[in-house]
Amino acid sequence: MGVCLHVGAVSPVSGMASSPRPRRKLKIWRHARSRAVPAGCIPWGWLCLTGILYATVGTLVSSFPVPYWVWYLVIGGVLAQALALAGPQALGRCRWWRANALVLLTILGTAAIAMALGLAMGFVGTDNLDAIEVKATAFEVIRVSLVALMIPALGAIIGAETGDRLLGLLNRWQTSAVLAATCVFGIGLGSLIGLLLVE
């Protein structure tokens, strides 16, 4: 009698402990969550923002009488940034040495664009030395330097974020091609706007 009561008391507990259903449901839910991918759609807003930033670069460079090789810096910097794809998601797929190399490539591309902007905006001013004021000139140099640094940096950040979002739809080379095409189109459109403003 005592043995029967003992078995009857323990068997429900052991049955609950050995029931695999909650664990299976939890595993299935975790597996489905780990494989969940955001709805695939082209990030038009990010692409437009990237194009606008690089259109600003094209407008600024084309508005001043720069040497032709300054455009080589701009295009080279844009292609370097597009090939690097230095966003968190893109870098997370690479090994550490390759990720560091891609970050370095992005820095070099950003520096090339900043150098081109600095050279272009360096033509702002006057040749009349008597008309130069120290305070106004210092403020102008600071403003030009900030613009020359901030626009390429913002372009690199926004471009990397856009590349990460495109990687959910395309492979790495296709993403680089789309990003490069967007940046070059923005620069071309901006250069046309700059030429129209100068004329």
Protein backbone atom coordinates (compact mmCIF):
# COMPACT_ATOMS: atom_id res chain seq x y z
CA MET A 1 0.00 0.00 0.00
CA GLY A 2 2.79 2.31 0.99
CA VAL A 3 4.73 1.41 -2.15
CA CYS A 4 1.78 2.12 -4.39
CA LEU A 5 1.28 5.54 -2.81
CA HIS A 6 4.99 6.28 -3.22
CA VAL A 7 4.97 5.44 -6.91
CA GLY A 8 1.75 7.31 -7.53
CA ALA A 9 3.17 10.45 -5.89
CA VAL A 10 6.39 10.40 -7.81
CA SER A 11 5.16 9.39 -11.23
CA PRO A 12 3.38 12.70 -12.05
CA VAL A 13 6.50 14.65 -11.11
CA SER A 14 8.75 12.42 -13.15
CA GLY A 15 6.29 12.61 -16.03
CA MET A 16 6.40 16.42 -15.93
CA ALA A 17 10.19 16.46 -15.73
CA SER A 18 10.59 14.06 -18.62
CA SER A 19 8.08 15.81 -20.87
CA PRO A 20 10.09 17.15 -23.85
CA ARG A 21 7.37 19.31 -25.36
CA PRO A 22 8.22 22.68 -23.72
CA ARG A 23 11.89 22.24 -24.57
CA ARG A 24 11.12 21.33 -28.16
CA LYS A 25 8.87 24.34 -28.55
CA LEU A 26 11.57 26.58 -27.08
CA LYS A 27 14.21 25.16 -29.42
CA ILE A 28 11.94 25.57 -32.46
CA TRP A 29 11.18 29.18 -31.46
CA ARG A 30 14.87 30.01 -30.99
CA HIS A 31 15.77 28.36 -34.31
CA ALA A 32 13.07 30.28 -36.14
CA ARG A 33 14.16 33.52 -34.49
CA SER A 34 17.82 32.98 -35.36
CA ARG A 35 16.91 32.41 -39.02
CA ALA A 36 14.51 35.31 -39.20
CA VAL A 37 15.52 37.89 -41.80
CA PRO A 38 14.01 41.36 -42.14
CA ALA A 39 11.62 41.87 -45.00
CA GLY A 40 13.70 42.35 -48.12
CA CYS A 41 13.19 45.78 -49.62
CA ILE A 42 15.54 48.19 -51.33
CA PRO A 43 16.59 50.96 -48.91
CA TRP A 44 15.64 53.81 -51.21
CA GLY A 45 15.80 56.37 -48.43
CA TRP A 46 19.38 55.47 -47.54
CA LEU A 47 20.39 55.39 -51.20
CA CYS A 48 18.89 58.85 -51.75
CA LEU A 49 20.66 60.20 -48.67
CA THR A 50 23.96 58.76 -49.90
CA GLY A 51 23.43 60.31 -53.31
CA ILE A 52 22.63 63.70 -51.78
CA LEU A 53 25.81 63.70 -49.70
CA TYR A 54 27.99 62.90 -52.68
CA ALA A 55 26.06 65.38 -54.83
CA THR A 56 27.17 67.97 -52.27
CA VAL A 57 30.77 66.88 -52.85
CA GLY A 58 30.36 67.21 -56.61
CA THR A 59 28.76 70.65 -56.27
CA LEU A 60 31.55 71.98 -54.07
CA VAL A 61 34.37 70.64 -56.23
CA SER A 62 32.87 71.83 -59.52
CA SER A 63 32.11 75.29 -58.18
CA PHE A 64 35.81 76.22 -58.06
CA PRO A 65 38.55 76.19 -60.74
CA VAL A 66 40.33 73.08 -59.47
CA PRO A 67 42.97 71.11 -61.40
CA TYR A 68 41.62 68.08 -63.23
CA TRP A 69 43.49 65.61 -60.99
CA VAL A 70 41.38 66.66 -58.01
CA TRP A 71 38.55 64.72 -59.62
CA TYR A 72 40.77 61.64 -59.57
CA LEU A 73 40.94 61.97 -55.79
CA VAL A 74 37.15 62.22 -55.58
CA ILE A 75 36.44 59.22 -57.80
CA GLY A 76 39.22 57.16 -56.23
CA GLY A 77 37.95 57.93 -52.74
CA VAL A 78 34.38 57.02 -53.67
CA LEU A 79 35.42 53.71 -55.21
CA ALA A 80 37.56 52.88 -52.19
CA GLN A 81 34.65 53.48 -49.83
CA ALA A 82 32.28 51.46 -51.98
CA LEU A 83 34.67 48.52 -52.24
CA ALA A 84 35.46 48.55 -48.53
CA LEU A 85 31.86 48.34 -47.25
CA ALA A 86 33.04 49.06 -43.72
CA GLY A 87 29.66 48.67 -42.03
CA PRO A 88 29.30 46.50 -38.91
CA GLN A 89 27.38 43.77 -40.74
CA ALA A 90 29.82 43.65 -43.65
CA LEU A 91 32.88 43.62 -41.40
CA GLY A 92 31.33 40.93 -39.22
CA ARG A 93 31.53 38.52 -42.15
CA CYS A 94 35.28 39.02 -42.55
CA ARG A 95 38.27 37.83 -40.60
CA TRP A 96 40.03 40.32 -38.38
CA TRP A 97 42.92 41.03 -40.76
CA ARG A 98 40.60 41.55 -43.70
CA ALA A 99 38.26 43.70 -41.61
CA ASN A 100 41.18 45.92 -40.57
CA ALA A 101 42.31 46.21 -44.19
CA LEU A 102 38.81 47.25 -45.26
CA VAL A 103 38.63 49.86 -42.50
CA LEU A 104 42.00 51.22 -43.64
CA LEU A 105 40.71 51.36 -47.23
CA THR A 106 37.69 53.33 -46.05
CA ILE A 107 39.90 55.76 -44.15
CA LEU A 108 42.08 56.29 -47.22
CA GLY A 109 39.02 56.88 -49.40
CA THR A 110 37.56 59.36 -46.92
CA ALA A 111 40.92 61.15 -46.68
CA ALA A 112 41.13 61.41 -50.48
CA ILE A 113 37.69 63.03 -50.69
CA ALA A 114 38.52 65.36 -47.80
CA MET A 115 41.75 66.36 -49.53
CA ALA A 116 39.88 67.06 -52.76
CA LEU A 117 37.33 69.21 -50.94
CA GLY A 118 40.08 71.05 -49.08
CA LEU A 119 41.91 71.78 -52.32
CA ALA A 120 38.74 72.90 -54.06
CA MET A 121 37.53 75.13 -51.25
CA GLY A 122 41.02 76.54 -50.88
CA PHE A 123 40.26 78.67 -53.92
CA VAL A 124 37.76 80.65 -51.85
CA GLY A 125 39.07 84.11 -51.09
CA THR A 126 40.69 87.07 -52.76
CA ASP A 127 44.05 87.86 -54.32
CA ASN A 128 44.02 91.35 -52.83
CA LEU A 129 46.20 91.06 -49.72
CA ASP A 130 45.13 94.49 -48.47
CA ALA A 131 41.52 93.33 -48.27
CA ILE A 132 42.34 90.32 -46.07
CA GLU A 133 41.28 90.48 -42.42
CA VAL A 134 42.91 88.12 -39.94
CA LYS A 135 39.77 87.21 -37.98
CA ALA A 136 37.63 86.72 -41.06
CA THR A 137 40.35 84.68 -42.75
CA ALA A 138 40.83 82.47 -39.68
CA PHE A 139 37.10 81.86 -39.43
CA GLU A 140 36.96 81.04 -43.13
CA VAL A 141 39.81 78.53 -42.82
CA ILE A 142 38.12 76.81 -39.87
CA ARG A 143 34.79 76.66 -41.68
CA VAL A 144 36.34 75.26 -44.85
CA SER A 145 38.28 72.67 -42.86
CA LEU A 146 35.18 71.51 -40.98
CA VAL A 147 33.15 71.20 -44.17
CA ALA A 148 35.98 69.34 -45.91
CA LEU A 149 36.15 66.85 -43.03
CA MET A 150 32.51 66.45 -42.09
CA ILE A 151 31.01 65.75 -45.52
CA PRO A 152 33.35 62.83 -46.41
CA ALA A 153 32.99 61.42 -42.89
CA LEU A 154 29.19 61.55 -43.10
CA GLY A 155 29.36 60.04 -46.57
CA ALA A 156 31.45 57.14 -45.28
CA ILE A 157 29.09 56.49 -42.34
CA ILE A 158 25.89 56.72 -44.38
CA GLY A 159 27.42 54.70 -47.20
CA ALA A 160 28.46 51.95 -44.79
CA GLU A 161 24.96 51.81 -43.30
CA THR A 162 23.43 51.71 -46.78
CA GLY A 163 25.79 48.89 -47.72
CA ASP A 164 24.77 46.89 -44.65
CA ARG A 165 21.12 47.21 -45.62
CA LEU A 166 21.83 46.20 -49.21
CA LEU A 167 23.72 43.11 -48.04
CA GLY A 168 20.41 41.65 -46.93
CA LEU A 169 19.36 41.59 -50.60
CA LEU A 170 22.58 41.36 -52.64
CA ASN A 171 26.00 39.79 -52.37
CA ARG A 172 29.09 41.82 -51.55
CA TRP A 173 30.15 42.65 -55.12
CA GLN A 174 26.64 43.62 -56.17
CA THR A 175 26.31 45.81 -53.09
CA SER A 176 29.61 47.54 -53.86
CA ALA A 177 28.50 48.09 -57.47
CA VAL A 178 25.15 49.61 -56.45
CA LEU A 179 26.78 51.80 -53.82
CA ALA A 180 29.51 52.99 -56.21
CA ALA A 181 26.95 53.74 -58.91
CA THR A 182 24.85 55.75 -56.45
CA CYS A 183 27.86 57.78 -55.29
CA VAL A 184 29.14 58.43 -58.82
CA PHE A 185 25.65 59.44 -59.94
CA GLY A 186 25.42 61.83 -57.01
CA ILE A 187 28.81 63.35 -57.82
CA GLY A 188 27.86 63.75 -61.48
CA LEU A 189 24.56 65.39 -60.63
CA GLY A 190 26.25 67.66 -58.10
CA SER A 191 28.93 68.68 -60.59
CA LEU A 192 26.24 69.70 -63.07
CA ILE A 193 24.53 71.77 -60.37
CA GLY A 194 27.86 73.41 -59.52
CA LEU A 195 28.53 74.31 -63.12
CA LEU A 196 25.05 75.82 -63.44
CA LEU A 197 25.59 77.85 -60.27
CA VAL A 198 28.92 79.18 -61.53
CA GLU A 199 27.48 80.21 -64.86
